[in-house]
Amino acid sequence: MTDEKQEFSVVPFALVGFFATDEKDVAEALRTEITPEELEELQRLLAKYLFKEGVRVAVYPAVVPPEHAKEALKELERMIFGEEEGRD
């Protein structure tokens, strides 16, 4: 047996949508008590229905104004891969 490491290409992606709420503060419409298991299930479902088999997905749900979307993707990348591995 050989101990070959599998290499992956990591590509940021955005899932753009909207929601309607009567909350004055739109952030109040988001659940804050999402469990790690629920987040894993969401990631599994996104991977299953949006991508081909074998693709892994990592997400961090948040409300991001359109003008801040690029910075939000960079922040997610830093959270996952660390500051030194971030790409511009």
PDB file of N, CA and C in Angstrom:
ATOM      1  N   MET A   1       0.835  -1.195   0.000  1.00  0.00           N
ATOM      2  CA  MET A   1       0.000   0.000   0.000  1.00  0.00           C
ATOM      3  C   MET A   1       0.870   1.246   0.000  1.00  0.00           C
ATOM      4  N   THR A   2       0.446   2.219  -0.732  1.00  0.00           N
ATOM      5  CA  THR A   2       1.169   3.485  -0.738  1.00  0.00           C
ATOM      6  C   THR A   2       0.361   4.517   0.024  1.00  0.00           C
ATOM      7  N   ASP A   3       1.071   5.432   0.644  1.00  0.00           N
ATOM      8  CA  ASP A   3       0.424   6.504   1.404  1.00  0.00           C
ATOM      9  C   ASP A   3       0.394   7.778   0.570  1.00  0.00           C
ATOM     10  N   GLU A   4      -0.323   7.731  -0.543  1.00  0.00           N
ATOM     11  CA  GLU A   4      -0.433   8.906  -1.400  1.00  0.00           C
ATOM     12  C   GLU A   4      -1.533   9.816  -0.880  1.00  0.00           C
ATOM     13  N   LYS A   5      -1.216  11.100  -0.813  1.00  0.00           N
ATOM     14  CA  LYS A   5      -2.224  12.080  -0.402  1.00  0.00           C
ATOM     15  C   LYS A   5      -3.055  12.467  -1.613  1.00  0.00           C
ATOM     16  N   GLN A   6      -4.356  12.534  -1.407  1.00  0.00           N
ATOM     17  CA  GLN A   6      -5.248  12.976  -2.463  1.00  0.00           C
ATOM     18  C   GLN A   6      -5.265  14.499  -2.463  1.00  0.00           C
ATOM     19  N   GLU A   7      -5.106  15.091  -3.637  1.00  0.00           N
ATOM     20  CA  GLU A   7      -5.094  16.548  -3.740  1.00  0.00           C
ATOM     21  C   GLU A   7      -6.443  17.044  -4.246  1.00  0.00           C
ATOM     22  N   PHE A   8      -6.889  18.157  -3.678  1.00  0.00           N
ATOM     23  CA  PHE A   8      -8.158  18.760  -4.054  1.00  0.00           C
ATOM     24  C   PHE A   8      -7.932  20.182  -4.526  1.00  0.00           C
ATOM     25  N   SER A   9      -8.735  20.616  -5.467  1.00  0.00           N
ATOM     26  CA  SER A   9      -8.801  22.030  -5.828  1.00  0.00           C
ATOM     27  C   SER A   9      -9.910  22.629  -4.976  1.00  0.00           C
ATOM     28  N   VAL A  10      -9.627  23.735  -4.329  1.00  0.00           N
ATOM     29  CA  VAL A  10     -10.609  24.389  -3.466  1.00  0.00           C
ATOM     30  C   VAL A  10     -11.055  25.677  -4.152  1.00  0.00           C
ATOM     31  N   VAL A  11     -12.358  25.786  -4.391  1.00  0.00           N
ATOM     32  CA  VAL A  11     -12.908  26.907  -5.136  1.00  0.00           C
ATOM     33  C   VAL A  11     -14.043  27.540  -4.334  1.00  0.00           C
ATOM     34  N   PRO A  12     -13.929  28.832  -3.985  1.00  0.00           N
ATOM     35  CA  PRO A  12     -15.048  29.496  -3.309  1.00  0.00           C
ATOM     36  C   PRO A  12     -16.251  29.556  -4.252  1.00  0.00           C
ATOM     37  N   PHE A  13     -17.441  29.432  -3.689  1.00  0.00           N
ATOM     38  CA  PHE A  13     -18.646  29.576  -4.490  1.00  0.00           C
ATOM     39  C   PHE A  13     -19.666  30.362  -3.683  1.00  0.00           C
ATOM     40  N   ALA A  14     -20.622  30.906  -4.385  1.00  0.00           N
ATOM     41  CA  ALA A  14     -21.693  31.653  -3.719  1.00  0.00           C
ATOM     42  C   ALA A  14     -23.021  31.038  -4.127  1.00  0.00           C
ATOM     43  N   LEU A  15     -23.893  30.930  -3.179  1.00  0.00           N
ATOM     44  CA  LEU A  15     -25.264  30.501  -3.427  1.00  0.00           C
ATOM     45  C   LEU A  15     -26.118  31.735  -3.160  1.00  0.00           C
ATOM     46  N   VAL A  16     -26.575  32.357  -4.223  1.00  0.00           N
ATOM     47  CA  VAL A  16     -27.262  33.636  -4.095  1.00  0.00           C
ATOM     48  C   VAL A  16     -28.770  33.412  -4.074  1.00  0.00           C
ATOM     49  N   GLY A  17     -29.420  34.096  -3.179  1.00  0.00           N
ATOM     50  CA  GLY A  17     -30.866  34.004  -3.085  1.00  0.00           C
ATOM     51  C   GLY A  17     -31.378  35.185  -2.289  1.00  0.00           C
ATOM     52  N   PHE A  18     -32.626  35.119  -1.905  1.00  0.00           N
ATOM     53  CA  PHE A  18     -33.174  36.153  -1.041  1.00  0.00           C
ATOM     54  C   PHE A  18     -34.228  35.525  -0.157  1.00  0.00           C
ATOM     55  N   PHE A  19     -34.553  36.204   0.912  1.00  0.00           N
ATOM     56  CA  PHE A  19     -35.657  35.786   1.763  1.00  0.00           C
ATOM     57  C   PHE A  19     -36.456  37.020   2.130  1.00  0.00           C
ATOM     58  N   ALA A  20     -37.726  36.814   2.436  1.00  0.00           N
ATOM     59  CA  ALA A  20     -38.602  37.921   2.815  1.00  0.00           C
ATOM     60  C   ALA A  20     -38.953  37.773   4.287  1.00  0.00           C
ATOM     61  N   THR A  21     -38.875  38.860   5.020  1.00  0.00           N
ATOM     62  CA  THR A  21     -39.186  38.837   6.443  1.00  0.00           C
ATOM     63  C   THR A  21     -39.794  40.165   6.852  1.00  0.00           C
ATOM     64  N   ASP A  22     -40.578  40.130   7.917  1.00  0.00           N
ATOM     65  CA  ASP A  22     -41.108  41.382   8.455  1.00  0.00           C
ATOM     66  C   ASP A  22     -40.285  41.858   9.648  1.00  0.00           C
ATOM     67  N   GLU A  23     -39.176  41.179   9.924  1.00  0.00           N
ATOM     68  CA  GLU A  23     -38.269  41.594  11.001  1.00  0.00           C
ATOM     69  C   GLU A  23     -37.614  42.923  10.624  1.00  0.00           C
ATOM     70  N   LYS A  24     -37.495  43.826  11.588  1.00  0.00           N
ATOM     71  CA  LYS A  24     -36.819  45.102  11.335  1.00  0.00           C
ATOM     72  C   LYS A  24     -35.324  44.876  11.106  1.00  0.00           C
ATOM     73  N   ASP A  25     -34.738  43.999  11.909  1.00  0.00           N
ATOM     74  CA  ASP A  25     -33.330  43.630  11.754  1.00  0.00           C
ATOM     75  C   ASP A  25     -33.303  42.276  11.051  1.00  0.00           C
ATOM     76  N   VAL A  26     -32.917  42.262   9.776  1.00  0.00           N
ATOM     77  CA  VAL A  26     -32.998  41.021   9.000  1.00  0.00           C
ATOM     78  C   VAL A  26     -32.177  39.888   9.594  1.00  0.00           C
ATOM     79  N   ALA A  27     -31.128  40.207  10.327  1.00  0.00           N
ATOM     80  CA  ALA A  27     -30.325  39.161  10.960  1.00  0.00           C
ATOM     81  C   ALA A  27     -31.149  38.381  11.983  1.00  0.00           C
ATOM     82  N   GLU A  28     -32.205  39.001  12.505  1.00  0.00           N
ATOM     83  CA  GLU A  28     -33.076  38.335  13.477  1.00  0.00           C
ATOM     84  C   GLU A  28     -33.879  37.198  12.845  1.00  0.00           C
ATOM     85  N   ALA A  29     -33.961  37.170  11.529  1.00  0.00           N
ATOM     86  CA  ALA A  29     -34.711  36.122  10.843  1.00  0.00           C
ATOM     87  C   ALA A  29     -33.928  34.814  10.758  1.00  0.00           C
ATOM     88  N   LEU A  30     -32.628  34.872  11.006  1.00  0.00           N
ATOM     89  CA  LEU A  30     -31.790  33.671  10.950  1.00  0.00           C
ATOM     90  C   LEU A  30     -31.763  32.956  12.287  1.00  0.00           C
ATOM     91  N   ARG A  31     -31.774  31.648  12.231  1.00  0.00           N
ATOM     92  CA  ARG A  31     -31.617  30.851  13.452  1.00  0.00           C
ATOM     93  C   ARG A  31     -30.177  30.986  13.932  1.00  0.00           C
ATOM     94  N   THR A  32     -29.996  31.198  15.203  1.00  0.00           N
ATOM     95  CA  THR A  32     -28.639  31.296  15.753  1.00  0.00           C
ATOM     96  C   THR A  32     -28.234  30.031  16.481  1.00  0.00           C
ATOM     97  N   GLU A  33     -29.186  29.132  16.694  1.00  0.00           N
ATOM     98  CA  GLU A  33     -28.896  27.928  17.463  1.00  0.00           C
ATOM     99  C   GLU A  33     -28.679  26.699  16.579  1.00  0.00           C
ATOM    100  N   ILE A  34     -28.302  26.899  15.318  1.00  0.00           N
ATOM    101  CA  ILE A  34     -28.059  25.767  14.430  1.00  0.00           C
ATOM    102  C   ILE A  34     -26.943  24.901  15.013  1.00  0.00           C
ATOM    103  N   THR A  35     -27.176  23.613  15.038  1.00  0.00           N
ATOM    104  CA  THR A  35     -26.210  22.693  15.639  1.00  0.00           C
ATOM    105  C   THR A  35     -25.161  22.289  14.609  1.00  0.00           C
ATOM    106  N   PRO A  36     -24.007  21.825  15.070  1.00  0.00           N
ATOM    107  CA  PRO A  36     -23.001  21.321  14.128  1.00  0.00           C
ATOM    108  C   PRO A  36     -23.561  20.197  13.247  1.00  0.00           C
ATOM    109  N   GLU A  37     -24.418  19.372  13.817  1.00  0.00           N
ATOM    110  CA  GLU A  37     -25.009  18.279  13.045  1.00  0.00           C
ATOM    111  C   GLU A  37     -25.933  18.806  11.948  1.00  0.00           C
ATOM    112  N   GLU A  38     -26.701  19.850  12.260  1.00  0.00           N
ATOM    113  CA  GLU A  38     -27.578  20.451  11.252  1.00  0.00           C
ATOM    114  C   GLU A  38     -26.759  21.108  10.142  1.00  0.00           C
ATOM    115  N   LEU A  39     -25.670  21.769  10.511  1.00  0.00           N
ATOM    116  CA  LEU A  39     -24.806  22.392   9.511  1.00  0.00           C
ATOM    117  C   LEU A  39     -24.166  21.329   8.620  1.00  0.00           C
ATOM    118  N   GLU A  40     -23.726  20.221   9.216  1.00  0.00           N
ATOM    119  CA  GLU A  40     -23.165  19.124   8.426  1.00  0.00           C
ATOM    120  C   GLU A  40     -24.204  18.564   7.455  1.00  0.00           C
ATOM    121  N   GLU A  41     -25.448  18.439   7.911  1.00  0.00           N
ATOM    122  CA  GLU A  41     -26.517  17.938   7.048  1.00  0.00           C
ATOM    123  C   GLU A  41     -26.781  18.905   5.899  1.00  0.00           C
ATOM    124  N   LEU A  42     -26.782  20.200   6.173  1.00  0.00           N
ATOM    125  CA  LEU A  42     -26.960  21.204   5.124  1.00  0.00           C
ATOM    126  C   LEU A  42     -25.841  21.094   4.090  1.00  0.00           C
ATOM    127  N   GLN A  43     -24.610  20.971   4.552  1.00  0.00           N
ATOM    128  CA  GLN A  43     -23.461  20.833   3.652  1.00  0.00           C
ATOM    129  C   GLN A  43     -23.583  19.561   2.820  1.00  0.00           C
ATOM    130  N   ARG A  44     -24.021  18.468   3.451  1.00  0.00           N
ATOM    131  CA  ARG A  44     -24.192  17.200   2.739  1.00  0.00           C
ATOM    132  C   ARG A  44     -25.251  17.345   1.642  1.00  0.00           C
ATOM    133  N   LEU A  45     -26.367  18.004   1.970  1.00  0.00           N
ATOM    134  CA  LEU A  45     -27.433  18.192   0.988  1.00  0.00           C
ATOM    135  C   LEU A  45     -26.989  19.087  -0.172  1.00  0.00           C
ATOM    136  N   LEU A  46     -26.275  20.163   0.126  1.00  0.00           N
ATOM    137  CA  LEU A  46     -25.763  21.027  -0.941  1.00  0.00           C
ATOM    138  C   LEU A  46     -24.830  20.251  -1.856  1.00  0.00           C
ATOM    139  N   ALA A  47     -23.935  19.483  -1.266  1.00  0.00           N
ATOM    140  CA  ALA A  47     -23.004  18.688  -2.068  1.00  0.00           C
ATOM    141  C   ALA A  47     -23.759  17.677  -2.929  1.00  0.00           C
ATOM    142  N   LYS A  48     -24.753  17.029  -2.349  1.00  0.00           N
ATOM    143  CA  LYS A  48     -25.512  15.993  -3.060  1.00  0.00           C
ATOM    144  C   LYS A  48     -26.301  16.557  -4.238  1.00  0.00           C
ATOM    145  N   TYR A  49     -26.965  17.689  -4.034  1.00  0.00           N
ATOM    146  CA  TYR A  49     -27.879  18.199  -5.049  1.00  0.00           C
ATOM    147  C   TYR A  49     -27.276  19.231  -6.003  1.00  0.00           C
ATOM    148  N   LEU A  50     -26.162  19.841  -5.650  1.00  0.00           N
ATOM    149  CA  LEU A  50     -25.577  20.864  -6.520  1.00  0.00           C
ATOM    150  C   LEU A  50     -24.332  20.402  -7.266  1.00  0.00           C
ATOM    151  N   PHE A  51     -23.654  19.398  -6.737  1.00  0.00           N
ATOM    152  CA  PHE A  51     -22.370  18.999  -7.298  1.00  0.00           C
ATOM    153  C   PHE A  51     -22.354  17.511  -7.633  1.00  0.00           C
ATOM    154  N   LYS A  52     -21.350  17.114  -8.383  1.00  0.00           N
ATOM    155  CA  LYS A  52     -21.170  15.702  -8.699  1.00  0.00           C
ATOM    156  C   LYS A  52     -20.624  14.971  -7.481  1.00  0.00           C
ATOM    157  N   GLU A  53     -20.747  13.646  -7.512  1.00  0.00           N
ATOM    158  CA  GLU A  53     -20.291  12.813  -6.402  1.00  0.00           C
ATOM    159  C   GLU A  53     -18.805  13.051  -6.111  1.00  0.00           C
ATOM    160  N   GLY A  54     -18.460  13.101  -4.843  1.00  0.00           N
ATOM    161  CA  GLY A  54     -17.072  13.274  -4.426  1.00  0.00           C
ATOM    162  C   GLY A  54     -16.691  14.704  -4.096  1.00  0.00           C
ATOM    163  N   VAL A  55     -17.566  15.671  -4.401  1.00  0.00           N
ATOM    164  CA  VAL A  55     -17.287  17.070  -4.093  1.00  0.00           C
ATOM    165  C   VAL A  55     -17.675  17.327  -2.643  1.00  0.00           C
ATOM    166  N   ARG A  56     -16.795  17.993  -1.912  1.00  0.00           N
ATOM    167  CA  ARG A  56     -17.057  18.353  -0.521  1.00  0.00           C
ATOM    168  C   ARG A  56     -17.451  19.822  -0.451  1.00  0.00           C
ATOM    169  N   VAL A  57     -18.357  20.156   0.455  1.00  0.00           N
ATOM    170  CA  VAL A  57     -18.854  21.526   0.583  1.00  0.00           C
ATOM    171  C   VAL A  57     -18.690  21.994   2.021  1.00  0.00           C
ATOM    172  N   ALA A  58     -18.250  23.236   2.196  1.00  0.00           N
ATOM    173  CA  ALA A  58     -18.191  23.876   3.517  1.00  0.00           C
ATOM    174  C   ALA A  58     -18.925  25.203   3.406  1.00  0.00           C
ATOM    175  N   VAL A  59     -19.830  25.463   4.343  1.00  0.00           N
ATOM    176  CA  VAL A  59     -20.586  26.712   4.324  1.00  0.00           C
ATOM    177  C   VAL A  59     -20.642  27.312   5.719  1.00  0.00           C
ATOM    178  N   TYR A  60     -20.880  28.610   5.727  1.00  0.00           N
ATOM    179  CA  TYR A  60     -21.134  29.338   6.963  1.00  0.00           C
ATOM    180  C   TYR A  60     -22.314  30.256   6.678  1.00  0.00           C
ATOM    181  N   PRO A  61     -23.506  29.917   7.183  1.00  0.00           N
ATOM    182  CA  PRO A  61     -24.681  30.729   6.860  1.00  0.00           C
ATOM    183  C   PRO A  61     -24.629  32.107   7.518  1.00  0.00           C
ATOM    184  N   ALA A  62     -24.860  33.136   6.715  1.00  0.00           N
ATOM    185  CA  ALA A  62     -24.858  34.505   7.219  1.00  0.00           C
ATOM    186  C   ALA A  62     -25.585  35.392   6.211  1.00  0.00           C
ATOM    187  N   VAL A  63     -26.106  36.503   6.682  1.00  0.00           N
ATOM    188  CA  VAL A  63     -26.707  37.495   5.800  1.00  0.00           C
ATOM    189  C   VAL A  63     -25.593  38.438   5.367  1.00  0.00           C
ATOM    190  N   VAL A  64     -25.408  38.555   4.060  1.00  0.00           N
ATOM    191  CA  VAL A  64     -24.337  39.391   3.532  1.00  0.00           C
ATOM    192  C   VAL A  64     -24.929  40.360   2.512  1.00  0.00           C
ATOM    193  N   PRO A  65     -24.806  41.668   2.767  1.00  0.00           N
ATOM    194  CA  PRO A  65     -25.261  42.628   1.761  1.00  0.00           C
ATOM    195  C   PRO A  65     -24.468  42.422   0.465  1.00  0.00           C
ATOM    196  N   PRO A  66     -25.093  42.604  -0.682  1.00  0.00           N
ATOM    197  CA  PRO A  66     -24.407  42.352  -1.953  1.00  0.00           C
ATOM    198  C   PRO A  66     -23.056  43.052  -2.078  1.00  0.00           C
ATOM    199  N   GLU A  67     -22.949  44.261  -1.550  1.00  0.00           N
ATOM    200  CA  GLU A  67     -21.678  44.994  -1.680  1.00  0.00           C
ATOM    201  C   GLU A  67     -20.563  44.401  -0.820  1.00  0.00           C
ATOM    202  N   HIS A  68     -20.905  43.473   0.078  1.00  0.00           N
ATOM    203  CA  HIS A  68     -19.894  42.843   0.931  1.00  0.00           C
ATOM    204  C   HIS A  68     -19.666  41.373   0.603  1.00  0.00           C
ATOM    205  N   ALA A  69     -20.265  40.871  -0.455  1.00  0.00           N
ATOM    206  CA  ALA A  69     -20.193  39.446  -0.776  1.00  0.00           C
ATOM    207  C   ALA A  69     -18.762  38.977  -1.029  1.00  0.00           C
ATOM    208  N   LYS A  70     -17.969  39.753  -1.760  1.00  0.00           N
ATOM    209  CA  LYS A  70     -16.597  39.341  -2.071  1.00  0.00           C
ATOM    210  C   LYS A  70     -15.779  39.208  -0.789  1.00  0.00           C
ATOM    211  N   GLU A  71     -15.891  40.161   0.108  1.00  0.00           N
ATOM    212  CA  GLU A  71     -15.150  40.099   1.375  1.00  0.00           C
ATOM    213  C   GLU A  71     -15.641  38.934   2.231  1.00  0.00           C
ATOM    214  N   ALA A  72     -16.927  38.641   2.192  1.00  0.00           N
ATOM    215  CA  ALA A  72     -17.462  37.513   2.964  1.00  0.00           C
ATOM    216  C   ALA A  72     -16.883  36.192   2.470  1.00  0.00           C
ATOM    217  N   LEU A  73     -16.738  36.035   1.155  1.00  0.00           N
ATOM    218  CA  LEU A  73     -16.121  34.822   0.616  1.00  0.00           C
ATOM    219  C   LEU A  73     -14.666  34.707   1.045  1.00  0.00           C
ATOM    220  N   LYS A  74     -13.942  35.830   1.037  1.00  0.00           N
ATOM    221  CA  LYS A  74     -12.546  35.811   1.485  1.00  0.00           C
ATOM    222  C   LYS A  74     -12.457  35.428   2.960  1.00  0.00           C
ATOM    223  N   GLU A  75     -13.372  35.936   3.780  1.00  0.00           N
ATOM    224  CA  GLU A  75     -13.379  35.618   5.209  1.00  0.00           C
ATOM    225  C   GLU A  75     -13.657  34.134   5.430  1.00  0.00           C
ATOM    226  N   LEU A  76     -14.586  33.570   4.688  1.00  0.00           N
ATOM    227  CA  LEU A  76     -14.865  32.140   4.796  1.00  0.00           C
ATOM    228  C   LEU A  76     -13.633  31.331   4.415  1.00  0.00           C
ATOM    229  N   GLU A  77     -12.958  31.742   3.369  1.00  0.00           N
ATOM    230  CA  GLU A  77     -11.737  31.067   2.944  1.00  0.00           C
ATOM    231  C   GLU A  77     -10.679  31.127   4.044  1.00  0.00           C
ATOM    232  N   ARG A  78     -10.527  32.279   4.689  1.00  0.00           N
ATOM    233  CA  ARG A  78      -9.553  32.407   5.790  1.00  0.00           C
ATOM    234  C   ARG A  78      -9.944  31.521   6.967  1.00  0.00           C
ATOM    235  N   MET A  79     -11.253  31.429   7.258  1.00  0.00           N
ATOM    236  CA  MET A  79     -11.717  30.588   8.366  1.00  0.00           C
ATOM    237  C   MET A  79     -11.392  29.122   8.111  1.00  0.00           C
ATOM    238  N   ILE A  80     -11.553  28.687   6.871  1.00  0.00           N
ATOM    239  CA  ILE A  80     -11.338  27.280   6.539  1.00  0.00           C
ATOM    240  C   ILE A  80      -9.860  26.946   6.410  1.00  0.00           C
ATOM    241  N   PHE A  81      -9.102  27.781   5.729  1.00  0.00           N
ATOM    242  CA  PHE A  81      -7.722  27.448   5.398  1.00  0.00           C
ATOM    243  C   PHE A  81      -6.676  28.203   6.194  1.00  0.00           C
ATOM    244  N   GLY A  82      -7.085  29.157   6.995  1.00  0.00           N
ATOM    245  CA  GLY A  82      -6.125  29.930   7.765  1.00  0.00           C
ATOM    246  C   GLY A  82      -5.660  31.147   6.992  1.00  0.00           C
ATOM    247  N   GLU A  83      -5.146  32.108   7.734  1.00  0.00           N
ATOM    248  CA  GLU A  83      -4.732  33.396   7.163  1.00  0.00           C
ATOM    249  C   GLU A  83      -3.657  33.237   6.096  1.00  0.00           C
ATOM    250  N   GLU A  84      -2.668  32.389   6.350  1.00  0.00           N
ATOM    251  CA  GLU A  84      -1.534  32.275   5.434  1.00  0.00           C
ATOM    252  C   GLU A  84      -1.895  31.624   4.112  1.00  0.00           C
ATOM    253  N   GLU A  85      -2.996  30.885   4.054  1.00  0.00           N
ATOM    254  CA  GLU A  85      -3.353  30.182   2.838  1.00  0.00           C
ATOM    255  C   GLU A  85      -4.387  30.925   2.010  1.00  0.00           C
ATOM    256  N   GLY A  86      -4.857  32.062   2.495  1.00  0.00           N
ATOM    257  CA  GLY A  86      -5.875  32.812   1.768  1.00  0.00           C
ATOM    258  C   GLY A  86      -5.367  33.271   0.420  1.00  0.00           C
ATOM    259  N   ARG A  87      -6.281  33.356  -0.534  1.00  0.00           N
ATOM    260  CA  ARG A  87      -5.914  33.802  -1.880  1.00  0.00           C
ATOM    261  C   ARG A  87      -6.617  35.107  -2.174  1.00  0.00           C
ATOM    262  N   ASP A  88      -6.029  35.918  -2.996  1.00  0.00           N
ATOM    263  CA  ASP A  88      -6.664  37.182  -3.409  1.00  0.00           C
ATOM    264  C   ASP A  88      -7.055  37.138  -4.850  1.00  0.00           C
TER     265      ASP A  88
END
